[in-house]
Amino acid sequence: MYFATPVKSKPRNLNKQLAKMATLLGVSLGLLSLLNIFSPATIFEPESPGWVLSVSYANDLILPFALYCFICLGEKWLRTWHRRALLTLAIFILLEFGQVLYYRVWTGHYVGTFDPLDILMYVISVGLAVVVEQKVLPRLLKFW
């Protein structure tokens, strides 16, 4: 009788995984701290076009990028970049549409207004995050 020998799988290099996780977490938290530290009023005059663009769309570019990097930490569960990008976009698009419905339910405090350009900014941001994760970081870092 013939018994198949078990296939030996390659041992996972824990150091590479930890380095990848530390990089993703550092990028994610670094972008979030940038939002808290940087004030557009330090560079632009209030109500100037640069200030308005910074206040309106900088968060829409930075936050989805940071969330995508954070979601990449769970690549064991979300194995493809397609799923991670879709989850990130779904979260932000649902929040954007929630701004339309919010005032019909409760008008207690300001939560922002619906802006279709925000959705375009989310798509651009997640697209940039995917390119960085799939193309740029593997070229820059050997452990990727």
Protein backbone atom coordinates (compact mmCIF):
# COMPACT_ATOMS: atom_id res chain seq x y z
CA MET A 1 0.00 0.00 0.00
CA TYR A 2 1.29 3.44 -0.91
CA PHE A 3 1.15 6.24 1.63
CA ALA A 4 1.65 9.78 0.47
CA THR A 5 4.24 11.70 2.35
CA PRO A 6 2.96 14.90 3.82
CA VAL A 7 3.95 17.99 1.92
CA LYS A 8 6.15 20.20 3.98
CA SER A 9 4.99 23.75 3.76
CA LYS A 10 7.42 26.61 3.89
CA PRO A 11 7.65 28.01 7.38
CA ARG A 12 6.33 31.50 7.56
CA ASN A 13 8.89 34.05 8.38
CA LEU A 14 7.49 35.74 11.43
CA ASN A 15 9.97 38.61 11.25
CA LYS A 16 8.80 39.53 7.74
CA GLN A 17 5.15 39.46 8.83
CA LEU A 18 5.85 41.60 11.88
CA ALA A 19 7.83 44.08 9.80
CA LYS A 20 5.00 44.31 7.27
CA MET A 21 2.44 44.80 10.03
CA ALA A 22 4.57 47.44 11.73
CA THR A 23 4.95 49.30 8.43
CA LEU A 24 1.22 49.25 7.70
CA LEU A 25 0.35 50.30 11.23
CA GLY A 26 2.97 53.06 11.13
CA VAL A 27 1.60 54.44 7.86
CA SER A 28 -1.96 54.29 9.12
CA LEU A 29 -1.29 55.92 12.49
CA GLY A 30 1.14 58.40 10.94
CA LEU A 31 -1.53 59.66 8.56
CA LEU A 32 -4.06 59.94 11.37
CA SER A 33 -1.64 61.87 13.57
CA LEU A 34 -0.88 64.15 10.63
CA LEU A 35 -4.55 65.17 10.61
CA ASN A 36 -4.43 66.00 14.32
CA ILE A 37 -1.12 67.87 14.21
CA PHE A 38 -1.47 69.81 10.98
CA SER A 39 -3.86 72.74 10.85
CA PRO A 40 -4.59 74.30 7.46
CA ALA A 41 -4.69 77.70 9.14
CA THR A 42 -0.91 77.52 9.71
CA ILE A 43 -0.30 77.70 5.95
CA PHE A 44 -3.44 79.20 4.39
CA GLU A 45 -5.48 82.22 5.28
CA PRO A 46 -8.92 81.22 6.55
CA GLU A 47 -11.52 81.02 3.79
CA SER A 48 -8.86 81.19 1.04
CA PRO A 49 -9.16 78.63 -1.80
CA GLY A 50 -6.25 76.59 -0.40
CA TRP A 51 -7.81 76.54 3.05
CA VAL A 52 -11.21 75.50 1.68
CA LEU A 53 -9.69 72.69 -0.41
CA SER A 54 -7.60 71.52 2.52
CA VAL A 55 -10.52 71.48 4.92
CA SER A 56 -12.93 69.99 2.39
CA TYR A 57 -10.90 67.32 0.65
CA ALA A 58 -7.68 66.58 2.56
CA ASN A 59 -9.52 64.40 5.06
CA ASP A 60 -11.29 62.65 2.18
CA LEU A 61 -7.90 61.65 0.78
CA ILE A 62 -6.06 60.86 4.01
CA LEU A 63 -8.68 58.93 6.00
CA PRO A 64 -9.53 56.23 3.41
CA PHE A 65 -5.81 55.74 2.71
CA ALA A 66 -5.17 55.24 6.43
CA LEU A 67 -8.13 52.88 6.82
CA TYR A 68 -7.05 50.79 3.84
CA CYS A 69 -3.59 50.40 5.38
CA PHE A 70 -5.19 49.43 8.68
CA ILE A 71 -7.49 46.89 6.99
CA CYS A 72 -4.43 45.38 5.28
CA LEU A 73 -3.36 44.18 8.73
CA GLY A 74 -6.17 41.63 8.44
CA GLU A 75 -5.02 40.14 5.15
CA LYS A 76 -5.43 36.71 6.71
CA TRP A 77 -9.20 37.24 6.51
CA LEU A 78 -9.38 39.60 3.54
CA ARG A 79 -6.85 37.97 1.27
CA THR A 80 -7.17 40.05 -1.90
CA TRP A 81 -6.68 43.75 -2.35
CA HIS A 82 -10.05 43.85 -4.13
CA ARG A 83 -11.90 42.90 -0.95
CA ARG A 84 -9.91 45.28 1.22
CA ALA A 85 -10.50 48.17 -1.20
CA LEU A 86 -14.19 47.36 -1.49
CA LEU A 87 -14.62 47.25 2.29
CA THR A 88 -12.83 50.58 2.69
CA LEU A 89 -14.92 52.23 -0.03
CA ALA A 90 -18.14 50.75 1.35
CA ILE A 91 -17.48 52.19 4.80
CA PHE A 92 -16.80 55.71 3.55
CA ILE A 93 -19.58 55.75 0.96
CA LEU A 94 -22.09 54.57 3.55
CA LEU A 95 -20.92 57.33 5.89
CA GLU A 96 -21.31 59.87 3.10
CA PHE A 97 -24.85 58.76 2.31
CA GLY A 98 -25.54 58.74 6.03
CA GLN A 99 -24.98 62.49 5.98
CA VAL A 100 -27.96 62.84 3.64
CA LEU A 101 -30.26 60.89 5.94
CA TYR A 102 -28.96 62.23 9.23
CA TYR A 103 -30.93 65.47 9.29
CA ARG A 104 -34.16 63.60 8.65
CA VAL A 105 -33.62 61.53 11.79
CA TRP A 106 -31.88 63.81 14.26
CA THR A 107 -30.72 67.39 13.92
CA GLY A 108 -28.84 67.64 17.21
CA HIS A 109 -25.44 68.64 15.86
CA TYR A 110 -23.55 69.21 12.65
CA VAL A 111 -22.11 66.10 10.99
CA GLY A 112 -21.23 67.51 7.59
CA THR A 113 -23.13 67.67 4.34
CA PHE A 114 -23.40 65.27 1.45
CA ASP A 115 -20.94 66.08 -1.32
CA PRO A 116 -20.69 63.78 -4.37
CA LEU A 117 -17.08 64.93 -4.90
CA ASP A 118 -16.24 63.31 -1.57
CA ILE A 119 -17.02 59.92 -3.12
CA LEU A 120 -14.62 60.70 -5.98
CA MET A 121 -11.95 61.62 -3.41
CA TYR A 122 -12.55 58.31 -1.59
CA VAL A 123 -12.10 56.35 -4.82
CA ILE A 124 -8.88 58.23 -5.64
CA SER A 125 -7.55 57.72 -2.13
CA VAL A 126 -8.25 53.98 -2.04
CA GLY A 127 -6.80 53.64 -5.54
CA LEU A 128 -3.60 55.34 -4.40
CA ALA A 129 -3.46 53.14 -1.30
CA VAL A 130 -3.78 50.00 -3.45
CA VAL A 131 -1.02 51.18 -5.78
CA VAL A 132 1.25 51.94 -2.82
CA GLU A 133 0.54 48.58 -1.18
CA GLN A 134 0.79 46.48 -4.35
CA LYS A 135 3.48 48.26 -6.38
CA VAL A 136 5.49 50.80 -4.39
CA LEU A 137 6.12 49.07 -1.05
CA PRO A 138 7.21 45.73 -2.59
CA ARG A 139 9.85 47.61 -4.60
CA LEU A 140 11.08 49.65 -1.65
CA LEU A 141 11.03 47.00 1.08
CA LYS A 142 12.61 43.56 0.67
CA PHE A 143 10.39 41.93 3.29
CA TRP A 144 7.14 42.84 1.53
